[in-house]
Amino acid sequence: MRRPYFRAALADPERVQVTKPYLSINEAMPCVTLSVETRSGGKRVVLCGDIDWVPDAALD
């Protein structure tokens, strides 16, 4: 519950939340976190996942 992306998902069910890019502690590279609250088996669940963030300029 202390993570902002988790709280954002709970506050707006069924809508995917996307964080601003931030530096991942695990991989030391920029990433964004996607999160969504939904129901599974009648219970509220939050699914979260990190995606590496590659700015457009890095693709040129």
Protein backbone atom coordinates (compact mmCIF):
# COMPACT_ATOMS: atom_id res chain seq x y z
CA MET A 1 0.00 0.00 0.00
CA ARG A 2 2.93 2.39 0.31
CA ARG A 3 3.67 2.45 -3.43
CA PRO A 4 1.94 5.31 -5.29
CA TYR A 5 1.24 3.17 -8.38
CA PHE A 6 -0.52 0.57 -6.20
CA ARG A 7 -2.70 3.21 -4.51
CA ALA A 8 -3.47 4.82 -7.90
CA ALA A 9 -4.70 1.48 -9.26
CA LEU A 10 -6.99 0.96 -6.24
CA ALA A 11 -8.38 4.47 -6.57
CA ASP A 12 -9.35 4.02 -10.25
CA PRO A 13 -10.39 0.37 -10.85
CA GLU A 14 -10.20 -1.19 -14.31
CA ARG A 15 -8.08 1.67 -15.67
CA VAL A 16 -4.38 1.11 -16.41
CA GLN A 17 -2.11 3.47 -14.48
CA VAL A 18 1.31 4.48 -15.85
CA THR A 19 4.04 6.10 -13.75
CA LYS A 20 6.41 8.74 -15.00
CA PRO A 21 9.78 7.28 -16.03
CA TYR A 22 12.09 6.69 -13.07
CA LEU A 23 15.43 5.01 -12.45
CA SER A 24 14.94 1.35 -11.52
CA ILE A 25 16.85 0.27 -8.44
CA ASN A 26 17.07 -3.32 -9.69
CA GLU A 27 18.50 -2.66 -13.14
CA ALA A 28 19.86 0.90 -12.87
CA MET A 29 18.01 1.94 -16.02
CA PRO A 30 14.89 4.03 -16.66
CA CYS A 31 11.54 2.25 -16.48
CA VAL A 32 7.81 2.89 -16.05
CA THR A 33 5.41 0.85 -13.95
CA LEU A 34 1.98 -0.15 -15.24
CA SER A 35 -0.68 -1.13 -12.70
CA VAL A 36 -4.36 -2.01 -12.81
CA GLU A 37 -6.92 -3.06 -10.21
CA THR A 38 -9.42 -5.71 -11.22
CA ARG A 39 -11.35 -8.59 -9.69
CA SER A 40 -10.38 -12.24 -9.69
CA GLY A 41 -12.49 -14.85 -7.95
CA GLY A 42 -14.56 -12.06 -6.41
CA LYS A 43 -11.51 -10.44 -4.79
CA ARG A 44 -9.78 -7.16 -5.62
CA VAL A 45 -6.32 -7.71 -7.08
CA VAL A 46 -3.69 -5.33 -8.41
CA LEU A 47 -1.44 -6.38 -11.28
CA CYS A 48 1.80 -4.40 -11.67
CA GLY A 49 4.64 -4.65 -14.15
CA ASP A 50 7.77 -2.70 -15.02
CA ILE A 51 8.74 -1.84 -18.59
CA ASP A 52 12.15 -0.51 -19.61
CA TRP A 53 11.84 3.09 -20.77
CA VAL A 54 13.77 4.04 -23.90
CA PRO A 55 13.29 7.72 -24.83
CA ASP A 56 12.58 8.42 -28.52
CA ALA A 57 15.92 10.22 -28.91
CA ALA A 58 17.75 6.99 -28.00
CA LEU A 59 16.14 5.22 -30.96
CA ASP A 60 17.62 7.56 -33.56
